[in-house]
Amino acid sequence: METPHYVAARVQRALAEDDRTTELGIRVDVRGEEVYLRGQVSCDERRHQIENVAREAAPGLRLHNEITLVEVREAGEEEHL
């Protein structure tokens, strides 16, 4: 079995290089047979895409998707100093 840091690196590389995600802002932690995804994204669809790519990169391991959704708003009025 691979060491946890090799598994985490493989998942992070897959998230960065897969055309469905191209994601660099997700933290991947591996503890035993479990993979934890942590970070923030702007929509639920993106969250699920990241989970799918991670599952493909770490088959047979239990995945915990702890990625949270953040509200992205358009810029407000310009602030005058």
C-alpha atoms as a PDB file:
ATOM      1  CA  MET A   1       0.000   0.000   0.000  1.00  0.00           C
ATOM      2  CA  GLU A   2       1.156   3.532  -0.770  1.00  0.00           C
ATOM      3  CA  THR A   3       2.051   5.898   2.014  1.00  0.00           C
ATOM      4  CA  PRO A   4      -0.563   8.573   2.817  1.00  0.00           C
ATOM      5  CA  HIS A   5       1.479  11.468   1.430  1.00  0.00           C
ATOM      6  CA  TYR A   6       1.837   9.687  -1.952  1.00  0.00           C
ATOM      7  CA  VAL A   7      -1.915   9.126  -2.122  1.00  0.00           C
ATOM      8  CA  ALA A   8      -2.579  12.768  -1.205  1.00  0.00           C
ATOM      9  CA  ALA A   9      -0.127  13.943  -3.860  1.00  0.00           C
ATOM     10  CA  ARG A  10      -1.753  11.722  -6.490  1.00  0.00           C
ATOM     11  CA  VAL A  11      -5.218  13.103  -5.668  1.00  0.00           C
ATOM     12  CA  GLN A  12      -3.986  16.718  -5.652  1.00  0.00           C
ATOM     13  CA  ARG A  13      -2.275  16.201  -8.993  1.00  0.00           C
ATOM     14  CA  ALA A  14      -5.452  14.697 -10.457  1.00  0.00           C
ATOM     15  CA  LEU A  15      -7.498  17.663  -9.208  1.00  0.00           C
ATOM     16  CA  ALA A  16      -4.998  20.092 -10.751  1.00  0.00           C
ATOM     17  CA  GLU A  17      -4.608  18.334 -14.103  1.00  0.00           C
ATOM     18  CA  ASP A  18      -8.075  16.954 -14.836  1.00  0.00           C
ATOM     19  CA  ASP A  19     -10.009  19.157 -17.293  1.00  0.00           C
ATOM     20  CA  ARG A  20     -13.165  18.775 -15.187  1.00  0.00           C
ATOM     21  CA  THR A  21     -11.580  20.455 -12.183  1.00  0.00           C
ATOM     22  CA  THR A  22      -8.204  22.177 -12.769  1.00  0.00           C
ATOM     23  CA  GLU A  23      -8.313  22.870  -9.042  1.00  0.00           C
ATOM     24  CA  LEU A  24      -5.364  23.965  -6.904  1.00  0.00           C
ATOM     25  CA  GLY A  25      -7.200  25.240  -3.829  1.00  0.00           C
ATOM     26  CA  ILE A  26      -8.388  21.984  -2.278  1.00  0.00           C
ATOM     27  CA  ARG A  27      -6.458  20.439   0.596  1.00  0.00           C
ATOM     28  CA  VAL A  28      -6.190  16.647   0.548  1.00  0.00           C
ATOM     29  CA  ASP A  29      -5.427  14.743   3.743  1.00  0.00           C
ATOM     30  CA  VAL A  30      -5.094  10.965   3.932  1.00  0.00           C
ATOM     31  CA  ARG A  31      -5.434   9.043   7.178  1.00  0.00           C
ATOM     32  CA  GLY A  32      -5.235   5.297   6.784  1.00  0.00           C
ATOM     33  CA  GLU A  33      -7.913   4.228   4.306  1.00  0.00           C
ATOM     34  CA  GLU A  34      -9.689   7.595   4.377  1.00  0.00           C
ATOM     35  CA  VAL A  35      -9.253  10.663   2.151  1.00  0.00           C
ATOM     36  CA  TYR A  36     -10.440  14.076   3.327  1.00  0.00           C
ATOM     37  CA  LEU A  37     -11.104  16.928   0.897  1.00  0.00           C
ATOM     38  CA  ARG A  38     -11.189  20.418   2.416  1.00  0.00           C
ATOM     39  CA  GLY A  39     -11.540  23.845   0.891  1.00  0.00           C
ATOM     40  CA  GLN A  40     -14.103  26.188  -0.600  1.00  0.00           C
ATOM     41  CA  VAL A  41     -15.847  26.362  -3.958  1.00  0.00           C
ATOM     42  CA  SER A  42     -18.580  28.562  -5.382  1.00  0.00           C
ATOM     43  CA  CYS A  43     -21.181  25.942  -6.410  1.00  0.00           C
ATOM     44  CA  ASP A  44     -22.387  22.450  -5.549  1.00  0.00           C
ATOM     45  CA  GLU A  45     -21.704  21.150  -9.066  1.00  0.00           C
ATOM     46  CA  ARG A  46     -18.015  22.043  -8.677  1.00  0.00           C
ATOM     47  CA  ARG A  47     -17.944  20.322  -5.298  1.00  0.00           C
ATOM     48  CA  HIS A  48     -19.273  17.112  -6.878  1.00  0.00           C
ATOM     49  CA  GLN A  49     -16.855  17.286  -9.821  1.00  0.00           C
ATOM     50  CA  ILE A  50     -13.932  17.506  -7.401  1.00  0.00           C
ATOM     51  CA  GLU A  51     -15.286  14.555  -5.434  1.00  0.00           C
ATOM     52  CA  ASN A  52     -15.639  12.446  -8.601  1.00  0.00           C
ATOM     53  CA  VAL A  53     -12.077  13.154  -9.746  1.00  0.00           C
ATOM     54  CA  ALA A  54     -10.738  12.393  -6.254  1.00  0.00           C
ATOM     55  CA  ARG A  55     -12.621   9.070  -6.169  1.00  0.00           C
ATOM     56  CA  GLU A  56     -11.097   8.096  -9.506  1.00  0.00           C
ATOM     57  CA  ALA A  57      -7.598   8.992  -8.248  1.00  0.00           C
ATOM     58  CA  ALA A  58      -7.995   7.036  -4.993  1.00  0.00           C
ATOM     59  CA  PRO A  59     -10.142   3.982  -5.760  1.00  0.00           C
ATOM     60  CA  GLY A  60     -10.921   1.752  -2.832  1.00  0.00           C
ATOM     61  CA  LEU A  61     -10.437   4.460  -0.224  1.00  0.00           C
ATOM     62  CA  ARG A  62     -13.245   6.097   1.725  1.00  0.00           C
ATOM     63  CA  LEU A  63     -13.728   9.718   0.686  1.00  0.00           C
ATOM     64  CA  HIS A  64     -14.936  12.502   2.986  1.00  0.00           C
ATOM     65  CA  ASN A  65     -15.971  15.598   1.046  1.00  0.00           C
ATOM     66  CA  GLU A  66     -15.709  18.457   3.540  1.00  0.00           C
ATOM     67  CA  ILE A  67     -15.578  21.133   0.839  1.00  0.00           C
ATOM     68  CA  THR A  68     -17.799  24.081   1.716  1.00  0.00           C
ATOM     69  CA  LEU A  69     -19.730  26.417  -0.536  1.00  0.00           C
ATOM     70  CA  VAL A  70     -19.062  30.132  -0.466  1.00  0.00           C
ATOM     71  CA  GLU A  71     -21.276  32.834  -1.840  1.00  0.00           C
ATOM     72  CA  VAL A  72     -19.673  34.778  -4.642  1.00  0.00           C
ATOM     73  CA  ARG A  73     -21.110  38.243  -5.078  1.00  0.00           C
ATOM     74  CA  GLU A  74     -20.529  40.788  -7.735  1.00  0.00           C
ATOM     75  CA  ALA A  75     -18.436  43.762  -6.796  1.00  0.00           C
ATOM     76  CA  GLY A  76     -20.344  46.548  -5.102  1.00  0.00           C
ATOM     77  CA  GLU A  77     -19.930  50.250  -5.523  1.00  0.00           C
ATOM     78  CA  GLU A  78     -16.443  51.667  -5.732  1.00  0.00           C
ATOM     79  CA  GLU A  79     -15.148  52.861  -2.398  1.00  0.00           C
ATOM     80  CA  HIS A  80     -13.986  56.481  -2.345  1.00  0.00           C
ATOM     81  CA  LEU A  81     -11.301  57.364   0.147  1.00  0.00           C
END
